[in-house]
Protein backbone atom coordinates (compact mmCIF):
# COMPACT_ATOMS: atom_id res chain seq x y z
CA MET A 1 33.45 35.40 5.01
CA ARG A 2 29.77 36.58 5.13
CA GLN A 3 26.51 34.56 5.33
CA GLN A 4 22.99 35.66 5.93
CA VAL A 5 22.50 33.11 8.63
CA VAL A 6 24.92 31.14 10.75
CA ILE A 7 23.52 27.99 12.25
CA ILE A 8 25.31 26.54 15.16
CA GLY A 9 24.67 22.75 15.50
CA ALA A 10 24.30 20.05 12.76
CA GLY A 11 21.75 17.95 14.51
CA PRO A 12 18.33 17.56 12.94
CA ALA A 13 17.09 20.88 14.02
CA GLY A 14 20.04 22.83 12.47
CA LEU A 15 20.03 20.65 9.31
CA LEU A 16 16.23 21.19 8.80
CA LEU A 17 16.55 24.93 9.21
CA GLY A 18 19.52 24.93 6.74
CA CYS A 19 17.54 22.96 4.10
CA LEU A 20 14.51 25.21 4.57
CA LEU A 21 16.63 28.30 4.11
CA ASP A 22 18.31 26.75 1.11
CA ASN A 23 14.95 26.25 -0.48
CA ALA A 24 14.10 29.91 0.25
CA GLY A 25 17.30 31.16 -1.38
CA ILE A 26 18.70 32.35 2.03
CA ASP A 27 22.43 31.65 2.22
CA ASN A 28 23.53 29.91 5.37
CA ILE A 29 26.38 27.99 6.96
CA ILE A 30 26.10 25.26 9.58
CA LEU A 31 28.93 24.88 12.29
CA GLU A 32 29.17 21.62 14.30
CA ARG A 33 31.82 20.88 16.98
CA GLN A 34 31.40 17.05 16.61
CA THR A 35 32.64 14.95 13.64
CA LYS A 36 30.25 14.07 10.82
CA ASP A 37 30.46 10.45 11.74
CA TYR A 38 29.56 11.15 15.42
CA VAL A 39 26.53 13.21 14.45
CA LEU A 40 25.25 10.72 11.92
CA ALA A 41 25.64 7.85 14.28
CA ARG A 42 23.82 9.32 17.32
CA ILE A 43 20.97 7.13 18.55
CA ARG A 44 17.88 9.08 19.74
CA ALA A 45 14.14 8.74 19.83
CA GLY A 46 12.07 7.68 16.83
CA ILE A 47 8.31 8.76 17.23
CA LEU A 48 7.43 11.64 14.83
CA GLU A 49 4.36 13.71 15.08
CA GLN A 50 2.42 14.45 11.87
CA THR A 51 3.61 17.99 11.83
CA THR A 52 7.23 16.73 11.85
CA VAL A 53 6.53 14.30 8.97
CA ASP A 54 4.85 17.21 7.03
CA MET A 55 7.98 19.43 7.62
CA LEU A 56 10.34 16.78 6.40
CA HIS A 57 8.36 16.40 3.15
CA TYR A 58 8.12 20.16 2.81
CA ALA A 59 11.83 20.42 3.08
CA GLY A 60 12.33 17.72 0.46
CA ALA A 61 13.79 15.07 2.86
CA GLY A 62 10.65 12.75 3.21
CA ALA A 63 11.17 10.17 0.43
CA ARG A 64 12.77 7.43 2.58
CA LEU A 65 10.47 8.26 5.47
CA ALA A 66 7.47 7.58 3.22
CA GLN A 67 8.78 4.19 2.34
CA GLU A 68 10.13 2.92 5.71
CA GLY A 69 8.20 4.89 8.38
CA ILE A 70 5.81 2.89 10.39
CA ALA A 71 2.47 4.55 11.23
CA HIS A 72 1.12 4.07 14.72
CA HIS A 73 -2.62 4.30 14.99
CA GLY A 74 -2.64 3.92 18.78
CA VAL A 75 -0.70 4.15 22.06
CA ASN A 76 -0.86 1.36 24.75
CA ILE A 77 -1.06 2.16 28.37
CA ALA A 78 -0.31 -0.63 30.96
CA PHE A 79 -0.93 -0.65 34.65
CA GLY A 80 -1.19 -3.74 36.87
CA GLN A 81 -2.32 -6.45 34.59
CA GLU A 82 -4.29 -3.93 32.50
CA LEU A 83 -3.36 -3.20 28.93
CA GLU A 84 -5.44 -0.51 27.13
CA ASN A 85 -5.05 0.81 23.57
CA ILE A 86 -5.96 4.38 22.96
CA ALA A 87 -6.83 4.93 19.29
CA LEU A 88 -5.11 8.06 18.04
CA GLY A 89 -6.92 8.66 14.65
CA ALA A 90 -10.35 8.23 16.14
CA SER A 91 -9.83 10.99 18.67
CA THR A 92 -7.85 13.46 16.44
CA GLY A 93 -9.44 13.51 13.14
CA GLY A 94 -7.28 10.91 11.60
CA LYS A 95 -3.89 11.99 12.90
CA VAL A 96 -1.23 9.33 13.80
CA VAL A 97 2.39 9.18 14.69
CA THR A 98 5.16 7.57 12.75
CA ALA A 99 7.99 5.35 13.91
CA TYR A 100 11.21 6.46 12.23
CA GLY A 101 14.43 6.73 14.01
CA GLN A 102 16.06 10.25 14.63
CA THR A 103 19.30 8.71 13.20
CA GLU A 104 17.50 8.22 9.95
CA VAL A 105 16.04 11.68 10.05
CA THR A 106 19.53 13.13 10.47
CA LYS A 107 20.94 11.06 7.57
CA ASP A 108 18.02 12.14 5.22
CA LEU A 109 18.54 15.83 6.18
CA TYR A 110 22.34 15.55 5.66
CA ASP A 111 21.94 14.00 2.30
CA LEU A 112 19.64 16.86 1.22
CA ARG A 113 22.14 19.37 2.67
CA MET A 114 24.90 17.83 0.58
CA LYS A 115 22.68 17.92 -2.51
CA ASN A 116 21.85 21.62 -1.95
CA GLY A 117 25.61 22.35 -1.70
CA SER A 118 25.54 24.74 1.24
CA PRO A 119 28.56 24.54 3.61
CA THR A 120 28.52 22.48 6.76
CA ILE A 121 31.67 22.62 8.87
CA TYR A 122 32.26 19.74 11.18
CA SER A 123 34.83 19.57 13.92
CA ALA A 124 34.55 23.32 14.31
CA GLU A 125 36.38 24.00 17.51
CA ASN A 126 36.08 26.95 20.05
CA VAL A 127 33.01 28.40 18.46
CA SER A 128 32.38 31.95 19.76
CA ILE A 129 29.56 34.36 19.21
CA SER A 130 30.14 38.17 19.23
CA ASP A 131 28.06 41.29 18.92
CA PHE A 132 24.73 39.58 18.60
CA ASP A 133 23.18 42.48 20.33
CA THR A 134 24.15 44.65 17.39
CA SER A 135 23.24 44.70 13.70
CA ASN A 136 26.54 43.17 12.83
CA PRO A 137 27.00 39.85 14.74
CA THR A 138 29.93 37.53 14.10
CA VAL A 139 30.65 33.96 14.72
CA SER A 140 34.19 32.52 14.92
CA TYR A 141 35.64 29.02 14.97
CA GLU A 142 38.95 27.21 14.83
CA GLN A 143 39.86 24.42 12.41
CA ASP A 144 43.36 23.06 11.49
CA GLY A 145 45.08 25.57 13.47
CA SER A 146 43.36 28.64 11.82
CA THR A 147 40.63 30.93 13.06
CA VAL A 148 37.66 31.81 10.73
CA THR A 149 35.35 34.58 11.41
CA ILE A 150 31.85 34.90 9.78
CA SER A 151 29.81 38.01 9.54
CA CYS A 152 26.11 37.49 9.35
CA ASP A 153 22.69 38.87 9.79
CA LEU A 154 21.23 36.29 12.17
CA ILE A 155 22.46 33.45 14.30
CA ALA A 156 20.36 30.30 14.94
CA GLY A 157 21.54 28.45 18.18
CA CYS A 158 20.56 24.87 17.53
CA ASP A 159 23.51 23.35 19.41
CA GLY A 160 21.83 21.55 22.35
CA TYR A 161 21.57 21.99 26.02
CA HIS A 162 25.30 22.14 26.61
CA GLY A 163 26.08 24.33 23.49
CA VAL A 164 27.74 27.61 23.26
CA SER A 165 24.66 29.55 22.08
CA ARG A 166 22.68 29.85 25.31
CA ALA A 167 25.93 29.99 27.25
CA SER A 168 26.94 33.22 25.42
CA ILE A 169 23.78 34.98 26.68
CA PRO A 170 24.33 37.15 29.85
CA LYS A 171 22.54 35.45 32.77
CA SER A 172 20.70 38.70 33.48
CA ALA A 173 18.99 38.52 30.13
CA ILE A 174 17.57 35.00 30.42
CA THR A 175 15.09 33.33 32.65
CA ALA A 176 15.35 29.54 33.10
CA PHE A 177 12.88 27.19 34.49
CA GLU A 178 13.89 23.73 35.36
CA LYS A 179 12.79 20.45 37.09
CA ILE A 180 15.18 17.57 37.69
CA TYR A 181 13.46 14.26 38.09
CA PRO A 182 14.72 11.85 40.84
CA PHE A 183 15.33 8.88 38.36
CA GLY A 184 16.69 8.03 35.00
CA TRP A 185 15.96 5.71 32.17
CA LEU A 186 18.02 2.67 31.41
CA GLY A 187 17.61 2.04 27.71
CA VAL A 188 18.48 -0.98 25.50
CA LEU A 189 18.48 -1.01 21.66
CA SER A 190 18.22 -4.59 20.23
CA ASP A 191 17.79 -6.27 16.85
CA THR A 192 14.62 -8.00 17.99
CA PRO A 193 11.06 -7.84 16.83
CA PRO A 194 9.04 -5.29 18.98
CA VAL A 195 6.71 -6.81 21.53
CA ALA A 196 3.88 -4.64 20.30
CA ASN A 197 3.14 -2.86 17.05
CA GLU A 198 2.63 0.48 18.96
CA VAL A 199 4.43 2.09 21.90
CA VAL A 200 3.63 0.71 25.40
CA TYR A 201 3.83 2.92 28.49
CA ALA A 202 3.72 0.88 31.77
CA ASN A 203 3.23 2.06 35.29
CA ALA A 204 4.27 -0.91 37.54
CA PRO A 205 4.95 -1.40 41.33
CA ARG A 206 8.64 -1.85 40.38
CA GLY A 207 8.73 1.39 38.29
CA PHE A 208 8.09 2.63 34.78
CA ALA A 209 8.81 0.77 31.58
CA LEU A 210 8.56 1.67 27.87
CA CYS A 211 8.37 -0.66 24.75
CA SER A 212 9.15 1.06 21.49
CA MET A 213 10.55 0.29 18.03
CA ARG A 214 12.78 1.63 15.37
CA SER A 215 11.54 -0.83 12.80
CA MET A 216 9.79 -4.21 12.62
CA THR A 217 13.18 -5.85 13.40
CA ARG A 218 14.74 -3.31 15.76
CA SER A 219 13.34 -2.51 19.22
CA ARG A 220 14.01 0.08 21.89
CA TYR A 221 13.16 -0.62 25.50
CA TYR A 222 13.44 1.38 28.73
CA ILE A 223 13.08 0.91 32.44
CA GLN A 224 13.11 3.53 35.18
CA CYS A 225 16.28 3.31 37.26
CA ASP A 226 18.05 5.26 40.08
CA LEU A 227 20.05 8.38 39.01
CA ASP A 228 23.23 6.82 40.48
CA ASP A 229 22.88 3.43 38.74
CA LYS A 230 25.53 2.19 36.28
CA VAL A 231 25.20 0.55 32.84
CA GLU A 232 27.73 -1.98 34.04
CA ASN A 233 25.44 -3.16 36.77
CA TRP A 234 23.07 -4.43 34.12
CA SER A 235 23.76 -7.52 32.11
CA ASP A 236 21.47 -8.01 29.16
CA ASP A 237 19.73 -10.87 31.04
CA ALA A 238 19.24 -8.73 34.06
CA PHE A 239 17.65 -5.98 31.93
CA TRP A 240 15.25 -8.42 30.17
CA ASP A 241 14.19 -10.07 33.40
CA GLU A 242 13.44 -6.58 34.94
CA LEU A 243 11.57 -5.40 32.00
CA LYS A 244 9.30 -8.48 31.97
CA ARG A 245 8.44 -7.83 35.68
CA ARG A 246 7.12 -4.43 34.81
CA LEU A 247 4.78 -5.47 32.07
CA PRO A 248 1.36 -7.27 32.14
CA SER A 249 1.97 -11.03 31.64
CA GLN A 250 0.36 -11.00 28.27
CA LEU A 251 3.19 -8.83 27.01
CA ALA A 252 6.02 -10.23 29.19
CA ASP A 253 5.34 -13.63 27.68
CA GLU A 254 5.76 -12.38 24.16
CA ILE A 255 9.02 -10.50 24.44
CA ILE A 256 11.74 -11.79 22.11
CA THR A 257 15.16 -11.08 23.79
CA GLY A 258 18.58 -10.68 22.32
CA PRO A 259 21.98 -9.08 22.80
CA SER A 260 21.91 -5.26 23.19
CA LEU A 261 23.38 -3.12 20.34
CA GLU A 262 23.41 -0.07 22.74
CA LYS A 263 22.82 0.39 26.48
CA SER A 264 22.72 3.70 28.21
CA ILE A 265 21.29 5.61 31.22
CA ALA A 266 19.79 8.99 30.66
CA PRO A 267 18.67 11.45 33.41
CA LEU A 268 15.37 13.17 33.02
CA ARG A 269 14.71 16.99 33.26
CA SER A 270 12.19 19.66 32.24
CA PHE A 271 13.87 22.97 31.17
CA VAL A 272 12.79 26.12 29.44
CA ALA A 273 14.72 29.19 28.71
CA GLU A 274 12.85 32.48 28.00
CA PRO A 275 12.83 34.44 25.73
CA LEU A 276 14.08 32.73 22.61
CA ARG A 277 15.48 35.87 20.99
CA PHE A 278 18.50 37.89 22.11
CA GLY A 279 19.17 40.54 19.51
CA ARG A 280 20.28 38.70 16.33
CA LEU A 281 20.66 35.30 18.21
CA LEU A 282 17.74 33.01 18.28
CA LEU A 283 17.63 29.74 20.23
CA ALA A 284 15.82 26.59 19.02
CA GLY A 285 15.51 22.98 20.08
CA ASP A 286 17.42 21.68 23.16
CA ALA A 287 19.39 24.91 23.33
CA ALA A 288 16.16 26.53 24.44
CA HIS A 289 14.27 23.75 26.20
CA VAL A 290 14.41 20.07 27.25
CA VAL A 291 11.52 17.68 27.82
CA PRO A 292 11.70 14.33 29.60
CA PRO A 293 11.66 11.60 26.87
CA THR A 294 8.12 10.51 28.09
CA GLY A 295 5.81 11.15 25.20
CA ALA A 296 8.68 11.40 22.69
CA LYS A 297 8.47 15.15 22.22
CA GLY A 298 12.06 16.24 22.02
CA LEU A 299 12.72 16.14 18.24
CA ASN A 300 9.13 17.07 17.47
CA LEU A 301 9.35 20.20 19.74
CA ALA A 302 12.67 21.23 18.14
CA PHE A 303 11.10 20.93 14.75
CA SER A 304 8.14 23.05 15.73
CA ASP A 305 10.68 25.75 16.85
CA ILE A 306 12.25 25.48 13.31
CA HIS A 307 8.88 25.93 11.69
CA TYR A 308 8.33 29.28 13.50
CA LEU A 309 11.99 30.30 13.14
CA TYR A 310 12.17 29.65 9.44
CA HIS A 311 8.99 31.67 8.87
CA ALA A 312 10.29 34.47 10.99
CA MET A 313 13.63 34.53 9.11
CA LYS A 314 11.84 34.62 5.74
CA SER A 315 9.75 37.54 6.94
CA TYR A 316 12.79 39.27 8.31
CA PHE A 317 14.86 39.04 5.07
CA ALA A 318 11.80 39.93 2.88
CA ASP A 319 10.73 43.01 4.83
CA HIS A 320 13.66 43.82 7.18
CA ASP A 321 11.27 43.85 10.08
CA ASP A 322 12.58 42.93 13.50
CA SER A 323 9.14 42.26 14.89
CA ALA A 324 9.08 39.02 13.02
CA LEU A 325 11.94 37.82 15.19
CA ASP A 326 10.22 38.87 18.35
CA HIS A 327 7.10 37.03 17.19
CA TYR A 328 9.15 33.82 16.79
CA SER A 329 9.87 33.73 20.54
CA TYR A 330 6.16 34.42 21.45
CA GLN A 331 4.78 31.79 19.05
CA ALA A 332 7.34 29.04 19.75
CA LEU A 333 7.04 29.47 23.50
CA GLN A 334 3.28 29.04 23.37
CA ARG A 335 3.69 25.54 22.02
CA VAL A 336 6.75 24.74 24.11
CA TRP A 337 4.94 25.17 27.40
CA LYS A 338 1.97 23.16 26.30
CA THR A 339 4.26 20.35 25.29
CA GLU A 340 6.32 20.65 28.47
CA ARG A 341 3.02 20.29 30.47
CA PHE A 342 2.12 17.12 28.64
CA SER A 343 5.59 15.55 29.02
CA TRP A 344 5.54 16.41 32.66
CA TYR A 345 2.03 15.03 33.15
CA LEU A 346 2.82 11.78 31.39
CA THR A 347 6.03 11.39 33.28
CA ASN A 348 4.23 11.91 36.64
CA LEU A 349 1.51 9.60 35.77
CA THR A 350 3.67 6.60 34.68
CA HIS A 351 6.73 6.70 37.00
CA ARG A 352 7.20 5.94 40.78
CA PHE A 353 8.52 8.93 42.64
CA ASN A 354 8.41 7.23 45.95
CA ASP A 355 6.94 4.36 47.88
CA ASP A 356 3.65 6.16 48.91
CA PRO A 357 0.82 3.65 48.30
CA PHE A 358 -1.68 6.48 48.26
CA GLU A 359 0.05 8.26 45.46
CA GLN A 360 0.33 5.00 43.50
CA ARG A 361 -3.43 4.35 43.87
CA MET A 362 -4.11 7.91 42.61
CA LYS A 363 -2.02 7.33 39.52
CA GLU A 364 -3.79 4.04 38.87
CA ALA A 365 -7.15 5.71 39.28
CA GLU A 366 -6.17 8.48 36.81
CA LEU A 367 -4.92 5.81 34.31
CA ALA A 368 -8.20 4.00 34.70
CA TYR A 369 -10.13 7.19 34.08
CA ILE A 370 -8.02 8.21 31.06
CA THR A 371 -8.37 4.70 29.38
CA SER A 372 -12.18 4.32 30.04
CA SER A 373 -13.36 7.91 29.45
CA GLU A 374 -13.91 9.29 25.96
CA ALA A 375 -12.68 12.69 27.22
CA GLY A 376 -9.63 11.13 28.80
CA ARG A 377 -8.76 9.23 25.62
CA GLN A 378 -9.18 12.33 23.50
CA THR A 379 -7.07 14.45 25.73
CA LEU A 380 -4.18 11.96 25.68
CA ALA A 381 -4.49 11.32 21.91
CA GLU A 382 -4.49 14.93 20.79
CA ASN A 383 -1.44 15.69 22.87
CA TYR A 384 0.37 12.50 21.85
CA VAL A 385 -0.04 13.17 18.20
CA GLY A 386 1.07 16.80 18.69
CA LEU A 387 -0.70 20.04 19.06
CA PRO A 388 -1.24 22.08 15.78
CA LEU A 389 1.41 24.51 14.77
């Protein structure tokens, strides 16, 4: 079998790249080690930058998003009993973010992929990459007891932090930068109306809290927790009680509680691998970098990678110019590091790393400055809505 591009990973980044390549007439195949049902049911973040919304429309997968997405014109910052709203559009020339679950994004891209008719192989086992440092790379996988080998021109590694793509690169060829945070997020998804119409980030003496939404009837809430904590230590009632303790009373009194649909604990890390090109293998999304969920940048940053990667691949196949592939790594990393900086900054600002009262007062002073200064509001707003591509 031969394809121009093999995409490893059928998450939203891999699916978006496949749909864009389909539209450009570049043949491609997607390999995914998980089942289709597993991929389509994964629950992830749901705040989309305007550039992400624009890319979904450009690919042809934005119809349902246009109908069901909820525009957020501001972001709320809570500290102590203070609750400040930072208007996004006023500071960014009208840009906003949109609440629309990543699960829905994946479904929309999957539907478009099926309509286009290009192959997606789920439950592809033991995927291996060979000869990506030559002009004739291959990708092999096993399914139903048989081994299939695909010859290709380019390989896109969109298979996440634990995927085979980055793991196939010699350690001597890659530089990794990483920060592990000393806490995690305990998250609850519930079929309850959101406590606020826009996201709330809270810095409280008991730790960080986040109030978000998937729709006007489905909410997503998080609280900072210890890394060694366990989900089974938290009943629904215990979670709701702790969340309320971390919010200003005007919000805590308004929360509508209910049974959790999903409850999980996620560790936080910042990670970047450089470069993003290794011969004919190109990394994108979580295979290349991870941001803490503070700021909701993971999916958006993956999509900005795909923007640059798609245009690099178009140029490569049009002109057979390898320099377009090198330029992908340079362009994408410029935006990656700026986004990593904002996610790191917002995480440090809103979380409790220790019991140092001086450090907490410094964070409260910074929050007071950001929310009361026009320059501070503009800085937060332009980073939150997403930097330009």
